[in-house]
Amino acid sequence: MGSIRSACFYLLLMACLSTTACTGQIFRNYGRINFSNETTMAFESHSINTDFRYYTSGPDIYYPNAIIGLHRNYRIDTQDLWKEVEMTPEVMQNIVRNMKEKSSTRQLFLYGFELVDPKGQPIGVWYSIQTARTCLQMKHDGTVRIDTPDLDTYEQLNGETGWVPDSG
């Protein structure tokens, strides 16, 4: 009985180690999305970085679920899901104001995040409510896959998943 347990433990240990090794390989091309006060302030002061191309995701260009700025050295892989916007301070001001209006009706706040490649180098920025989820994957051909948040990101928080704003 003891040798069977030892063999099972050994097999389980080997499976875990090989899974960990594979997982390290699988996720080696993934970047990070880090909270950034500086990025929040840049969006809210309508500062445009001329090294970035800006995109929105969501139901409308002026009421998006998220805005990203991606460094011009990179191309976005999910181009059909993001709408490129010729960003000016005035356009940024309108978009941010509308996003704030949309989020405040649900008692939510908008945050800025820095998009970082697997080596820790900044490649862009992201602005949305905190629960808008994404994934950042670097491709070998210089493109970046940035998943859009769910189209119903706000609706998910408005009672459909059981969340109801506190009335008191």
Protein backbone atom coordinates (compact mmCIF):
# COMPACT_ATOMS: atom_id res chain seq x y z
CA MET A 1 0.00 0.00 0.00
CA GLY A 2 2.84 2.40 0.86
CA SER A 3 4.57 1.80 -2.48
CA ILE A 4 1.31 2.48 -4.38
CA ARG A 5 0.92 5.76 -2.49
CA SER A 6 4.53 6.66 -3.22
CA ALA A 7 4.07 5.87 -6.92
CA CYS A 8 0.86 7.91 -7.07
CA PHE A 9 2.51 10.81 -5.29
CA TYR A 10 5.50 10.63 -7.66
CA LEU A 11 3.23 10.59 -10.74
CA LEU A 12 1.16 13.49 -9.39
CA LEU A 13 4.33 15.46 -8.63
CA MET A 14 5.69 14.86 -12.14
CA ALA A 15 2.37 15.90 -13.68
CA CYS A 16 2.37 19.12 -11.66
CA LEU A 17 5.96 19.91 -12.56
CA SER A 18 5.40 19.31 -16.28
CA THR A 19 2.20 21.39 -16.20
CA THR A 20 4.10 24.23 -14.50
CA ALA A 21 6.85 24.03 -17.12
CA CYS A 22 4.30 24.05 -19.94
CA THR A 23 2.36 26.87 -18.37
CA GLY A 24 5.56 28.93 -18.22
CA GLN A 25 6.04 28.35 -21.94
CA ILE A 26 2.42 29.05 -22.78
CA PHE A 27 2.34 32.39 -20.95
CA ARG A 28 5.81 33.64 -21.90
CA ASN A 29 4.36 35.93 -24.61
CA TYR A 30 1.79 37.55 -22.34
CA GLY A 31 2.22 41.05 -21.03
CA ARG A 32 0.79 42.68 -17.93
CA ILE A 33 -1.76 45.38 -17.26
CA ASN A 34 -0.65 47.46 -14.28
CA PHE A 35 -2.70 50.06 -12.44
CA SER A 36 -1.19 53.51 -13.00
CA ASN A 37 -2.12 56.81 -11.35
CA GLU A 38 -0.12 58.62 -14.05
CA THR A 39 -2.18 56.97 -16.79
CA THR A 40 -5.42 57.81 -15.00
CA MET A 41 -4.32 61.44 -14.74
CA ALA A 42 -3.25 61.53 -18.41
CA PHE A 43 -6.67 60.35 -19.59
CA GLU A 44 -8.54 62.64 -17.22
CA SER A 45 -6.47 65.67 -18.23
CA HIS A 46 -7.03 64.73 -21.90
CA SER A 47 -3.31 64.36 -22.62
CA ILE A 48 -2.57 62.76 -25.97
CA ASN A 49 0.63 60.80 -26.52
CA THR A 50 1.60 61.29 -30.17
CA ASP A 51 3.53 57.99 -30.07
CA PHE A 52 0.23 56.11 -29.60
CA ARG A 53 -2.64 55.06 -31.82
CA TYR A 54 -5.89 55.23 -29.87
CA TYR A 55 -8.75 52.74 -30.05
CA THR A 56 -12.11 52.34 -28.34
CA SER A 57 -14.20 49.29 -27.63
CA GLY A 58 -17.87 49.18 -26.92
CA PRO A 59 -21.25 50.11 -28.24
CA ASP A 60 -20.31 53.60 -29.45
CA ILE A 61 -17.17 55.62 -30.02
CA TYR A 62 -18.24 58.22 -27.46
CA TYR A 63 -19.53 55.75 -24.83
CA PRO A 64 -16.92 52.99 -25.00
CA ASN A 65 -16.25 50.31 -22.42
CA ALA A 66 -12.50 50.96 -22.76
CA ILE A 67 -9.95 53.18 -24.49
CA ILE A 68 -6.44 52.01 -25.33
CA GLY A 69 -3.41 53.82 -26.62
CA LEU A 70 -0.93 51.46 -28.29
CA HIS A 71 2.59 52.52 -29.22
CA ARG A 72 2.99 53.00 -32.98
CA ASN A 73 5.75 50.33 -33.06
CA TYR A 74 3.01 47.74 -32.53
CA ARG A 75 -0.06 46.74 -34.50
CA ILE A 76 -3.23 45.57 -32.86
CA ASP A 77 -4.18 41.98 -33.78
CA THR A 78 -7.86 42.36 -32.94
CA GLN A 79 -8.37 45.35 -35.26
CA ASP A 80 -11.95 44.36 -36.09
CA LEU A 81 -12.92 44.52 -32.40
CA TRP A 82 -11.34 47.90 -31.68
CA LYS A 83 -12.28 51.15 -33.43
CA GLU A 84 -9.35 53.41 -34.20
CA VAL A 85 -9.99 57.01 -33.17
CA GLU A 86 -8.16 60.10 -34.45
CA MET A 87 -7.54 61.33 -30.94
CA THR A 88 -7.34 65.00 -30.08
CA PRO A 89 -7.63 66.58 -26.64
CA GLU A 90 -11.22 67.60 -27.48
CA VAL A 91 -12.20 64.09 -28.60
CA MET A 92 -10.51 62.63 -25.50
CA GLN A 93 -12.38 65.10 -23.30
CA ASN A 94 -15.75 64.11 -24.78
CA ILE A 95 -15.06 60.39 -24.53
CA VAL A 96 -13.76 60.56 -20.95
CA ARG A 97 -16.65 62.81 -19.85
CA ASN A 98 -19.19 60.38 -21.35
CA MET A 99 -17.45 57.35 -19.85
CA LYS A 100 -17.49 59.05 -16.43
CA GLU A 101 -21.19 59.82 -16.79
CA LYS A 102 -21.89 56.21 -17.76
CA SER A 103 -19.84 54.78 -14.88
CA SER A 104 -21.09 57.22 -12.23
CA THR A 105 -24.71 56.18 -12.80
CA ARG A 106 -23.58 52.74 -11.60
CA GLN A 107 -21.38 54.11 -8.80
CA LEU A 108 -18.20 52.95 -10.54
CA PHE A 109 -14.86 54.66 -11.11
CA LEU A 110 -12.59 54.72 -14.15
CA TYR A 111 -8.91 53.82 -13.88
CA GLY A 112 -5.82 54.05 -16.04
CA PHE A 113 -3.53 51.11 -16.58
CA GLU A 114 -0.15 50.72 -18.25
CA LEU A 115 0.21 47.95 -20.85
CA VAL A 116 3.57 46.22 -20.44
CA ASP A 117 5.24 43.60 -22.66
CA PRO A 118 6.63 40.33 -21.22
CA LYS A 119 10.03 42.00 -20.69
CA GLY A 120 8.48 44.78 -18.60
CA GLN A 121 8.65 47.48 -21.28
CA PRO A 122 5.63 49.83 -21.55
CA ILE A 123 3.80 49.54 -24.88
CA GLY A 124 0.57 51.40 -24.22
CA VAL A 125 -2.21 52.50 -21.92
CA TRP A 126 -5.75 51.38 -21.02
CA TYR A 127 -8.65 53.29 -19.44
CA SER A 128 -11.86 51.67 -18.13
CA ILE A 129 -13.75 50.56 -15.06
CA GLN A 130 -11.73 48.12 -12.99
CA THR A 131 -13.92 45.12 -13.82
CA ALA A 132 -13.43 45.46 -17.59
CA ARG A 133 -11.18 42.47 -18.22
CA THR A 134 -8.62 41.93 -20.97
CA CYS A 135 -5.62 39.87 -21.97
CA LEU A 136 -2.40 41.14 -23.57
CA GLN A 137 -0.51 38.72 -25.82
CA MET A 138 2.54 39.61 -27.89
CA LYS A 139 2.70 37.86 -31.28
CA HIS A 140 5.92 37.05 -33.13
CA ASP A 141 5.01 39.26 -36.11
CA GLY A 142 4.91 42.49 -34.05
CA THR A 143 1.18 42.46 -33.45
CA VAL A 144 -0.42 42.57 -30.03
CA ARG A 145 -3.60 40.78 -29.15
CA ILE A 146 -5.62 42.88 -26.74
CA ASP A 147 -9.00 41.39 -26.00
CA THR A 148 -11.87 43.81 -25.71
CA PRO A 149 -13.90 43.81 -22.49
CA ASP A 150 -17.28 42.10 -22.68
CA LEU A 151 -19.80 44.23 -24.55
CA ASP A 152 -22.13 44.04 -21.55
CA THR A 153 -19.42 45.03 -19.04
CA TYR A 154 -21.64 47.65 -17.40
CA GLU A 155 -24.85 45.65 -17.64
CA GLN A 156 -23.23 42.71 -15.84
CA LEU A 157 -22.84 44.99 -12.83
CA ASN A 158 -26.36 46.40 -12.95
CA GLY A 159 -28.42 43.68 -11.34
CA GLU A 160 -28.03 40.88 -13.89
CA THR A 161 -25.34 39.20 -11.80
CA GLY A 162 -26.98 40.03 -8.49
CA TRP A 163 -25.06 43.25 -7.87
CA VAL A 164 -27.29 46.13 -6.87
CA PRO A 165 -25.97 49.56 -5.84
CA ASP A 166 -26.31 50.34 -2.16
CA SER A 167 -29.16 52.82 -1.77
CA GLY A 168 -28.17 53.99 1.65
